[in-house]
Amino acid sequence: MQDLTVTLIQSDLVWENPQKNLESFSVKIDAIDKATDLIVLPEMFTTAFTMNAKNLAEMDRGRTLEWMINKAKAKNADLIGSLIIKENNKYFNRLYWVKSDGNFVFYDKRHLFRMAGEHKIYSPGNKKIIVSLNGWKILPLICYDLRFPVWARGPKQDFDLILFIANWPERRSSHWRLLLKARAVENQSYAIGVNRVGKDGLDIAYQGDSAIIDPLGTVIMQGAHKEFVHTETLSWEKLNNYRTKFPVWKDADTFKID
């Protein structure tokens, strides 16, 4: 099995301004000068984390998804991020995973952040996706999902990398750092979190702390308080050797989520 190269983009977001955000991410993506398999953008990367879905939602196959398809093809890399989608008169915080050939799948955020009223505006998803890339099995989730280990569990080596995109506020950044490590250790997988920085239109501050965690819970990289584009190669040998020598996964409980 080959290694996997991932590029994280930690960025400030312009409040409720899709055009400005697309322009900003275009510059960042176009400037990536290393070969990469996967490019990861934050949650609601075109608008920031807003409840103004009525005015900002796009339809499926809207301009942002087309933009993602074009960027993925141009960089010959998969590209993921979430945005506000309207479908059947409902709103979703939808993560699109766009493949390098332009095909795509999506995941609708399951756990909606009630403290911001997200559950009053958006509809929850009810199905996880696991995406294959270079032989790696990857589980993408969104922000508040990080707090729910049952949803983020792979009892029998269901995935090799668990990935969270977020708008996670600075005031709870210690929880973000702690839970990313926990999700890596309990699943014996790599864990990646991509968060935003800056302040949003509600004056909520975000420090980023986007990170890559190895299966033992060791921080490979983490950065705070600034924008950055970081590319890292994940070792399949390291993951496989650890699972072989310390096979906790063999004793995991089996369960079914209703």
C-alpha atoms as a PDB file:
ATOM      1  CA  MET A   1       0.000   0.000   0.000  1.00  0.00           C
ATOM      2  CA  GLN A   2       1.334   3.453  -0.848  1.00  0.00           C
ATOM      3  CA  ASP A   3       1.562   6.470   1.423  1.00  0.00           C
ATOM      4  CA  LEU A   4      -1.015   9.248   1.306  1.00  0.00           C
ATOM      5  CA  THR A   5      -0.176  12.937   0.848  1.00  0.00           C
ATOM      6  CA  VAL A   6      -2.647  15.457   2.255  1.00  0.00           C
ATOM      7  CA  THR A   7      -2.734  19.264   2.050  1.00  0.00           C
ATOM      8  CA  LEU A   8      -4.456  21.231   4.819  1.00  0.00           C
ATOM      9  CA  ILE A   9      -5.612  24.804   4.190  1.00  0.00           C
ATOM     10  CA  GLN A  10      -6.176  26.797   7.379  1.00  0.00           C
ATOM     11  CA  SER A  11      -7.700  30.131   6.433  1.00  0.00           C
ATOM     12  CA  ASP A  12      -9.658  33.119   7.610  1.00  0.00           C
ATOM     13  CA  LEU A  13     -13.143  33.319   6.060  1.00  0.00           C
ATOM     14  CA  VAL A  14     -14.984  36.397   4.805  1.00  0.00           C
ATOM     15  CA  TRP A  15     -18.373  36.523   6.537  1.00  0.00           C
ATOM     16  CA  GLU A  16     -21.214  35.502   4.217  1.00  0.00           C
ATOM     17  CA  ASN A  17     -19.296  36.374   1.065  1.00  0.00           C
ATOM     18  CA  PRO A  18     -18.961  33.335  -1.221  1.00  0.00           C
ATOM     19  CA  GLN A  19     -17.273  35.254  -4.040  1.00  0.00           C
ATOM     20  CA  LYS A  20     -14.485  36.625  -1.842  1.00  0.00           C
ATOM     21  CA  ASN A  21     -13.909  33.243  -0.241  1.00  0.00           C
ATOM     22  CA  LEU A  22     -13.755  31.421  -3.559  1.00  0.00           C
ATOM     23  CA  GLU A  23     -11.265  33.978  -4.825  1.00  0.00           C
ATOM     24  CA  SER A  24      -9.144  33.530  -1.689  1.00  0.00           C
ATOM     25  CA  PHE A  25      -9.137  29.739  -1.877  1.00  0.00           C
ATOM     26  CA  SER A  26      -8.405  29.836  -5.599  1.00  0.00           C
ATOM     27  CA  VAL A  27      -5.172  31.695  -4.882  1.00  0.00           C
ATOM     28  CA  LYS A  28      -4.214  29.276  -2.093  1.00  0.00           C
ATOM     29  CA  ILE A  29      -4.978  26.148  -4.102  1.00  0.00           C
ATOM     30  CA  ASP A  30      -3.294  27.403  -7.267  1.00  0.00           C
ATOM     31  CA  ALA A  31      -0.136  28.125  -5.239  1.00  0.00           C
ATOM     32  CA  ILE A  32       0.261  24.540  -3.987  1.00  0.00           C
ATOM     33  CA  ASP A  33       3.552  23.472  -5.537  1.00  0.00           C
ATOM     34  CA  LYS A  34       3.832  19.940  -4.136  1.00  0.00           C
ATOM     35  CA  ALA A  35       2.142  16.852  -5.504  1.00  0.00           C
ATOM     36  CA  THR A  36      -0.747  15.935  -3.242  1.00  0.00           C
ATOM     37  CA  ASP A  37      -3.546  13.390  -3.167  1.00  0.00           C
ATOM     38  CA  LEU A  38      -6.087  15.347  -1.114  1.00  0.00           C
ATOM     39  CA  ILE A  39      -6.756  19.041  -0.398  1.00  0.00           C
ATOM     40  CA  VAL A  40      -8.863  19.847   2.673  1.00  0.00           C
ATOM     41  CA  LEU A  41     -10.837  23.083   3.195  1.00  0.00           C
ATOM     42  CA  PRO A  42     -12.721  24.122   6.366  1.00  0.00           C
ATOM     43  CA  GLU A  43     -16.422  23.760   7.157  1.00  0.00           C
ATOM     44  CA  MET A  44     -18.712  26.239   5.323  1.00  0.00           C
ATOM     45  CA  PHE A  45     -15.686  27.558   3.512  1.00  0.00           C
ATOM     46  CA  THR A  46     -17.680  29.938   1.285  1.00  0.00           C
ATOM     47  CA  THR A  47     -19.671  31.714   4.026  1.00  0.00           C
ATOM     48  CA  ALA A  48     -18.247  30.903   7.479  1.00  0.00           C
ATOM     49  CA  PHE A  49     -20.535  29.245  10.052  1.00  0.00           C
ATOM     50  CA  THR A  50     -23.795  31.103   9.549  1.00  0.00           C
ATOM     51  CA  MET A  51     -27.468  30.410  10.146  1.00  0.00           C
ATOM     52  CA  ASN A  52     -28.400  32.642   7.189  1.00  0.00           C
ATOM     53  CA  ALA A  53     -29.142  29.638   5.031  1.00  0.00           C
ATOM     54  CA  LYS A  54     -32.148  31.173   3.305  1.00  0.00           C
ATOM     55  CA  ASN A  55     -30.029  33.838   1.621  1.00  0.00           C
ATOM     56  CA  LEU A  56     -26.806  31.883   1.123  1.00  0.00           C
ATOM     57  CA  ALA A  57     -27.790  28.331   0.201  1.00  0.00           C
ATOM     58  CA  GLU A  58     -26.885  26.889  -3.170  1.00  0.00           C
ATOM     59  CA  MET A  59     -28.611  24.115  -5.040  1.00  0.00           C
ATOM     60  CA  ASP A  60     -26.782  20.847  -5.679  1.00  0.00           C
ATOM     61  CA  ARG A  61     -24.511  21.243  -8.719  1.00  0.00           C
ATOM     62  CA  GLY A  62     -24.306  24.957  -8.010  1.00  0.00           C
ATOM     63  CA  ARG A  63     -21.388  27.243  -8.700  1.00  0.00           C
ATOM     64  CA  THR A  64     -19.289  26.186  -5.692  1.00  0.00           C
ATOM     65  CA  LEU A  65     -19.459  22.510  -6.537  1.00  0.00           C
ATOM     66  CA  GLU A  66     -18.527  23.318 -10.133  1.00  0.00           C
ATOM     67  CA  TRP A  67     -15.634  25.397  -8.796  1.00  0.00           C
ATOM     68  CA  MET A  68     -14.515  22.428  -6.667  1.00  0.00           C
ATOM     69  CA  ILE A  69     -14.696  20.086  -9.650  1.00  0.00           C
ATOM     70  CA  ASN A  70     -12.568  22.435 -11.758  1.00  0.00           C
ATOM     71  CA  LYS A  71      -9.979  22.851  -8.991  1.00  0.00           C
ATOM     72  CA  ALA A  72      -9.760  19.112  -8.327  1.00  0.00           C
ATOM     73  CA  LYS A  73      -9.167  18.401 -11.995  1.00  0.00           C
ATOM     74  CA  ALA A  74      -6.618  21.201 -12.332  1.00  0.00           C
ATOM     75  CA  LYS A  75      -4.570  19.992  -9.344  1.00  0.00           C
ATOM     76  CA  ASN A  76      -5.148  16.290 -10.084  1.00  0.00           C
ATOM     77  CA  ALA A  77      -6.116  15.850  -6.441  1.00  0.00           C
ATOM     78  CA  ASP A  78      -9.272  15.136  -4.461  1.00  0.00           C
ATOM     79  CA  LEU A  79     -10.799  18.212  -2.808  1.00  0.00           C
ATOM     80  CA  ILE A  80     -13.181  18.449   0.153  1.00  0.00           C
ATOM     81  CA  GLY A  81     -15.054  21.163   2.051  1.00  0.00           C
ATOM     82  CA  SER A  82     -18.604  21.902   3.205  1.00  0.00           C
ATOM     83  CA  LEU A  83     -21.144  24.516   2.176  1.00  0.00           C
ATOM     84  CA  ILE A  84     -24.834  25.338   2.572  1.00  0.00           C
ATOM     85  CA  ILE A  85     -27.096  23.358   0.262  1.00  0.00           C
ATOM     86  CA  LYS A  86     -30.872  23.584  -0.280  1.00  0.00           C
ATOM     87  CA  GLU A  87     -32.581  20.387  -1.339  1.00  0.00           C
ATOM     88  CA  ASN A  88     -36.299  19.499  -1.182  1.00  0.00           C
ATOM     89  CA  ASN A  89     -36.981  22.689   0.779  1.00  0.00           C
ATOM     90  CA  LYS A  90     -34.473  21.685   3.447  1.00  0.00           C
ATOM     91  CA  TYR A  91     -31.043  23.106   4.232  1.00  0.00           C
ATOM     92  CA  PHE A  92     -27.960  20.968   4.790  1.00  0.00           C
ATOM     93  CA  ASN A  93     -24.404  21.599   5.955  1.00  0.00           C
ATOM     94  CA  ARG A  94     -23.033  19.397   3.190  1.00  0.00           C
ATOM     95  CA  LEU A  95     -19.487  18.138   2.772  1.00  0.00           C
ATOM     96  CA  TYR A  96     -18.579  17.447  -0.831  1.00  0.00           C
ATOM     97  CA  TRP A  97     -15.761  15.050  -1.598  1.00  0.00           C
ATOM     98  CA  VAL A  98     -14.746  15.791  -5.175  1.00  0.00           C
ATOM     99  CA  LYS A  99     -12.477  13.275  -6.860  1.00  0.00           C
ATOM    100  CA  SER A 100      -9.678  14.319  -9.187  1.00  0.00           C
ATOM    101  CA  ASP A 101     -11.701  13.101 -12.159  1.00  0.00           C
ATOM    102  CA  GLY A 102     -14.662  15.327 -11.257  1.00  0.00           C
ATOM    103  CA  ASN A 103     -16.909  12.675  -9.720  1.00  0.00           C
ATOM    104  CA  PHE A 104     -18.143  13.392  -6.210  1.00  0.00           C
ATOM    105  CA  VAL A 105     -19.936  12.069  -3.151  1.00  0.00           C
ATOM    106  CA  PHE A 106     -21.312  14.007  -0.202  1.00  0.00           C
ATOM    107  CA  TYR A 107     -21.941  13.780   3.529  1.00  0.00           C
ATOM    108  CA  ASP A 108     -24.564  15.836   5.368  1.00  0.00           C
ATOM    109  CA  LYS A 109     -23.539  16.863   8.884  1.00  0.00           C
ATOM    110  CA  ARG A 110     -25.144  14.519  11.403  1.00  0.00           C
ATOM    111  CA  HIS A 111     -24.695  16.401  14.679  1.00  0.00           C
ATOM    112  CA  LEU A 112     -26.001  19.958  14.452  1.00  0.00           C
ATOM    113  CA  PHE A 113     -24.657  22.492  16.940  1.00  0.00           C
ATOM    114  CA  ARG A 114     -27.743  23.354  18.990  1.00  0.00           C
ATOM    115  CA  MET A 115     -25.953  26.041  21.030  1.00  0.00           C
ATOM    116  CA  ALA A 116     -25.860  28.144  17.837  1.00  0.00           C
ATOM    117  CA  GLY A 117     -29.334  27.039  16.713  1.00  0.00           C
ATOM    118  CA  GLU A 118     -27.962  25.001  13.815  1.00  0.00           C
ATOM    119  CA  HIS A 119     -30.554  22.276  14.473  1.00  0.00           C
ATOM    120  CA  LYS A 120     -33.350  24.816  13.931  1.00  0.00           C
ATOM    121  CA  ILE A 121     -32.120  25.803  10.463  1.00  0.00           C
ATOM    122  CA  TYR A 122     -30.456  22.736   9.004  1.00  0.00           C
ATOM    123  CA  SER A 123     -31.566  19.130   8.623  1.00  0.00           C
ATOM    124  CA  PRO A 124     -29.268  16.365   9.919  1.00  0.00           C
ATOM    125  CA  GLY A 125     -27.723  13.708   7.768  1.00  0.00           C
ATOM    126  CA  ASN A 126     -28.169  10.062   8.660  1.00  0.00           C
ATOM    127  CA  LYS A 127     -25.482   8.288   6.688  1.00  0.00           C
ATOM    128  CA  LYS A 128     -21.708   8.250   6.884  1.00  0.00           C
ATOM    129  CA  ILE A 129     -19.497   7.817   3.852  1.00  0.00           C
ATOM    130  CA  ILE A 130     -16.117   6.128   3.649  1.00  0.00           C
ATOM    131  CA  VAL A 131     -14.080   7.206   0.657  1.00  0.00           C
ATOM    132  CA  SER A 132     -11.255   5.217  -0.904  1.00  0.00           C
ATOM    133  CA  LEU A 133      -8.164   7.095  -2.029  1.00  0.00           C
ATOM    134  CA  ASN A 134      -4.959   5.337  -3.079  1.00  0.00           C
ATOM    135  CA  GLY A 135      -6.180   2.289  -1.180  1.00  0.00           C
ATOM    136  CA  TRP A 136      -6.759   4.265   2.026  1.00  0.00           C
ATOM    137  CA  LYS A 137     -10.228   4.245   3.590  1.00  0.00           C
ATOM    138  CA  ILE A 138     -11.141   7.712   4.853  1.00  0.00           C
ATOM    139  CA  LEU A 139     -14.075   8.835   7.009  1.00  0.00           C
ATOM    140  CA  PRO A 140     -14.919  12.572   6.610  1.00  0.00           C
ATOM    141  CA  LEU A 141     -16.996  14.289   9.315  1.00  0.00           C
ATOM    142  CA  ILE A 142     -17.883  17.861  10.266  1.00  0.00           C
ATOM    143  CA  CYS A 143     -17.015  19.911  13.369  1.00  0.00           C
ATOM    144  CA  TYR A 144     -19.513  19.041  16.168  1.00  0.00           C
ATOM    145  CA  ASP A 145     -19.394  15.382  15.032  1.00  0.00           C
ATOM    146  CA  LEU A 146     -16.007  15.298  16.784  1.00  0.00           C
ATOM    147  CA  ARG A 147     -17.753  15.156  20.173  1.00  0.00           C
ATOM    148  CA  PHE A 148     -19.637  11.940  19.397  1.00  0.00           C
ATOM    149  CA  PRO A 149     -17.312   8.907  19.468  1.00  0.00           C
ATOM    150  CA  VAL A 150     -19.982   6.375  18.521  1.00  0.00           C
ATOM    151  CA  TRP A 151     -20.606   8.160  15.200  1.00  0.00           C
ATOM    152  CA  ALA A 152     -16.847   8.521  14.713  1.00  0.00           C
ATOM    153  CA  ARG A 153     -16.054   4.884  15.510  1.00  0.00           C
ATOM    154  CA  GLY A 154     -14.737   2.169  13.244  1.00  0.00           C
ATOM    155  CA  PRO A 155     -14.845  -1.026  15.319  1.00  0.00           C
ATOM    156  CA  LYS A 156     -13.124  -3.319  12.828  1.00  0.00           C
ATOM    157  CA  GLN A 157     -10.622  -1.137  10.982  1.00  0.00           C
ATOM    158  CA  ASP A 158     -13.394   0.466   8.941  1.00  0.00           C
ATOM    159  CA  PHE A 159     -11.087   3.348   8.016  1.00  0.00           C
ATOM    160  CA  ASP A 160      -7.435   4.385   8.083  1.00  0.00           C
ATOM    161  CA  LEU A 161      -7.925   8.144   8.390  1.00  0.00           C
ATOM    162  CA  ILE A 162     -10.670  10.089  10.150  1.00  0.00           C
ATOM    163  CA  LEU A 163     -10.995  13.663   8.980  1.00  0.00           C
ATOM    164  CA  PHE A 164     -12.850  16.617  10.524  1.00  0.00           C
ATOM    165  CA  ILE A 165     -13.473  19.991   8.891  1.00  0.00           C
ATOM    166  CA  ALA A 166     -14.618  22.723  11.241  1.00  0.00           C
ATOM    167  CA  ASN A 167     -15.441  26.208  12.414  1.00  0.00           C
ATOM    168  CA  TRP A 168     -14.433  25.429  16.013  1.00  0.00           C
ATOM    169  CA  PRO A 169     -14.223  28.509  18.297  1.00  0.00           C
ATOM    170  CA  GLU A 170     -11.071  29.506  20.140  1.00  0.00           C
ATOM    171  CA  ARG A 171     -12.769  29.385  23.551  1.00  0.00           C
ATOM    172  CA  ARG A 172     -13.139  25.593  23.231  1.00  0.00           C
ATOM    173  CA  SER A 173      -9.866  24.950  21.425  1.00  0.00           C
ATOM    174  CA  SER A 174      -8.588  22.700  24.239  1.00  0.00           C
ATOM    175  CA  HIS A 175     -11.497  20.332  23.541  1.00  0.00           C
ATOM    176  CA  TRP A 176     -10.662  20.310  19.828  1.00  0.00           C
ATOM    177  CA  ARG A 177      -7.052  19.334  20.479  1.00  0.00           C
ATOM    178  CA  LEU A 178      -7.990  16.691  23.042  1.00  0.00           C
ATOM    179  CA  LEU A 179     -10.752  15.052  21.033  1.00  0.00           C
ATOM    180  CA  LEU A 180      -8.726  14.848  17.815  1.00  0.00           C
ATOM    181  CA  LYS A 181      -6.155  12.801  19.714  1.00  0.00           C
ATOM    182  CA  ALA A 182      -8.866  10.635  21.239  1.00  0.00           C
ATOM    183  CA  ARG A 183     -10.436   9.841  17.878  1.00  0.00           C
ATOM    184  CA  ALA A 184      -7.025   8.803  16.523  1.00  0.00           C
ATOM    185  CA  VAL A 185      -6.147   6.578  19.489  1.00  0.00           C
ATOM    186  CA  GLU A 186      -9.500   4.822  19.843  1.00  0.00           C
ATOM    187  CA  ASN A 187      -9.678   4.027  16.123  1.00  0.00           C
ATOM    188  CA  GLN A 188      -5.969   3.273  15.682  1.00  0.00           C
ATOM    189  CA  SER A 189      -6.084   5.569  12.682  1.00  0.00           C
ATOM    190  CA  TYR A 190      -4.636   8.860  11.575  1.00  0.00           C
ATOM    191  CA  ALA A 191      -6.805  11.863  12.451  1.00  0.00           C
ATOM    192  CA  ILE A 192      -6.814  15.215  10.661  1.00  0.00           C
ATOM    193  CA  GLY A 193      -8.669  18.354  11.693  1.00  0.00           C
ATOM    194  CA  VAL A 194      -8.908  21.460   9.498  1.00  0.00           C
ATOM    195  CA  ASN A 195     -10.283  24.530  11.235  1.00  0.00           C
ATOM    196  CA  ARG A 196     -10.529  28.213  10.350  1.00  0.00           C
ATOM    197  CA  VAL A 197      -8.825  31.251  11.927  1.00  0.00           C
ATOM    198  CA  GLY A 198      -9.873  34.876  12.432  1.00  0.00           C
ATOM    199  CA  LYS A 199     -13.196  36.297  13.618  1.00  0.00           C
ATOM    200  CA  ASP A 200     -16.617  35.769  12.099  1.00  0.00           C
ATOM    201  CA  GLY A 201     -19.497  38.216  11.686  1.00  0.00           C
ATOM    202  CA  LEU A 202     -20.676  37.497  15.231  1.00  0.00           C
ATOM    203  CA  ASP A 203     -17.249  38.455  16.630  1.00  0.00           C
ATOM    204  CA  ILE A 204     -16.465  34.842  17.521  1.00  0.00           C
ATOM    205  CA  ALA A 205     -12.725  34.123  17.418  1.00  0.00           C
ATOM    206  CA  TYR A 206     -11.108  31.028  15.916  1.00  0.00           C
ATOM    207  CA  GLN A 207      -7.467  30.077  16.460  1.00  0.00           C
ATOM    208  CA  GLY A 208      -7.281  27.181  14.015  1.00  0.00           C
ATOM    209  CA  ASP A 209      -5.230  24.413  15.601  1.00  0.00           C
ATOM    210  CA  SER A 210      -5.546  22.435  12.376  1.00  0.00           C
ATOM    211  CA  ALA A 211      -3.606  19.246  12.978  1.00  0.00           C
ATOM    212  CA  ILE A 212      -2.432  15.847  11.851  1.00  0.00           C
ATOM    213  CA  ILE A 213      -2.376  13.150  14.543  1.00  0.00           C
ATOM    214  CA  ASP A 214      -0.821   9.718  14.107  1.00  0.00           C
ATOM    215  CA  PRO A 215      -2.489   6.469  15.274  1.00  0.00           C
ATOM    216  CA  LEU A 216      -0.661   6.595  18.613  1.00  0.00           C
ATOM    217  CA  GLY A 217      -2.043  10.060  19.348  1.00  0.00           C
ATOM    218  CA  THR A 218       1.203  11.878  18.590  1.00  0.00           C
ATOM    219  CA  VAL A 219       0.875  15.293  16.960  1.00  0.00           C
ATOM    220  CA  ILE A 220       2.692  15.286  13.634  1.00  0.00           C
ATOM    221  CA  MET A 221       1.859  18.935  12.996  1.00  0.00           C
ATOM    222  CA  GLN A 222      -0.419  21.606  14.408  1.00  0.00           C
ATOM    223  CA  GLY A 223      -0.642  25.342  13.764  1.00  0.00           C
ATOM    224  CA  ALA A 224      -2.590  28.149  15.405  1.00  0.00           C
ATOM    225  CA  HIS A 225      -3.450  31.845  14.979  1.00  0.00           C
ATOM    226  CA  LYS A 226      -2.411  32.168  11.347  1.00  0.00           C
ATOM    227  CA  GLU A 227      -3.319  31.069   7.850  1.00  0.00           C
ATOM    228  CA  PHE A 228      -1.232  28.330   6.308  1.00  0.00           C
ATOM    229  CA  VAL A 229      -1.144  25.692   3.602  1.00  0.00           C
ATOM    230  CA  HIS A 230       0.612  22.538   4.795  1.00  0.00           C
ATOM    231  CA  THR A 231       1.324  19.325   2.894  1.00  0.00           C
ATOM    232  CA  GLU A 232       2.213  16.127   4.757  1.00  0.00           C
ATOM    233  CA  THR A 233       2.708  12.508   3.721  1.00  0.00           C
ATOM    234  CA  LEU A 234       1.115   9.864   5.944  1.00  0.00           C
ATOM    235  CA  SER A 235       2.972   6.573   6.283  1.00  0.00           C
ATOM    236  CA  TRP A 236       0.998   3.423   5.545  1.00  0.00           C
ATOM    237  CA  GLU A 237       3.833   1.303   6.985  1.00  0.00           C
ATOM    238  CA  LYS A 238       3.613   3.104  10.335  1.00  0.00           C
ATOM    239  CA  LEU A 239      -0.144   2.573  10.528  1.00  0.00           C
ATOM    240  CA  ASN A 240      -0.007  -1.081   9.488  1.00  0.00           C
ATOM    241  CA  ASN A 241       2.884  -1.951  11.810  1.00  0.00           C
ATOM    242  CA  TYR A 242       1.146  -0.416  14.814  1.00  0.00           C
ATOM    243  CA  ARG A 243      -2.147  -2.195  14.133  1.00  0.00           C
ATOM    244  CA  THR A 244      -0.273  -5.480  13.678  1.00  0.00           C
ATOM    245  CA  LYS A 245       1.870  -5.208  16.817  1.00  0.00           C
ATOM    246  CA  PHE A 246      -0.878  -3.804  19.061  1.00  0.00           C
ATOM    247  CA  PRO A 247      -4.181  -5.103  17.618  1.00  0.00           C
ATOM    248  CA  VAL A 248      -6.675  -3.399  19.920  1.00  0.00           C
ATOM    249  CA  TRP A 249      -9.177  -3.387  17.071  1.00  0.00           C
ATOM    250  CA  LYS A 250      -9.630  -7.149  17.343  1.00  0.00           C
ATOM    251  CA  ASP A 251     -11.333  -6.696  20.727  1.00  0.00           C
ATOM    252  CA  ALA A 252     -13.579  -3.812  19.718  1.00  0.00           C
ATOM    253  CA  ASP A 253     -17.307  -4.021  20.422  1.00  0.00           C
ATOM    254  CA  THR A 254     -19.637  -4.440  17.491  1.00  0.00           C
ATOM    255  CA  PHE A 255     -22.745  -2.290  17.323  1.00  0.00           C
ATOM    256  CA  LYS A 256     -25.337  -0.842  14.980  1.00  0.00           C
ATOM    257  CA  ILE A 257     -26.454   2.787  14.886  1.00  0.00           C
ATOM    258  CA  ASP A 258     -30.208   3.189  14.469  1.00  0.00           C
END
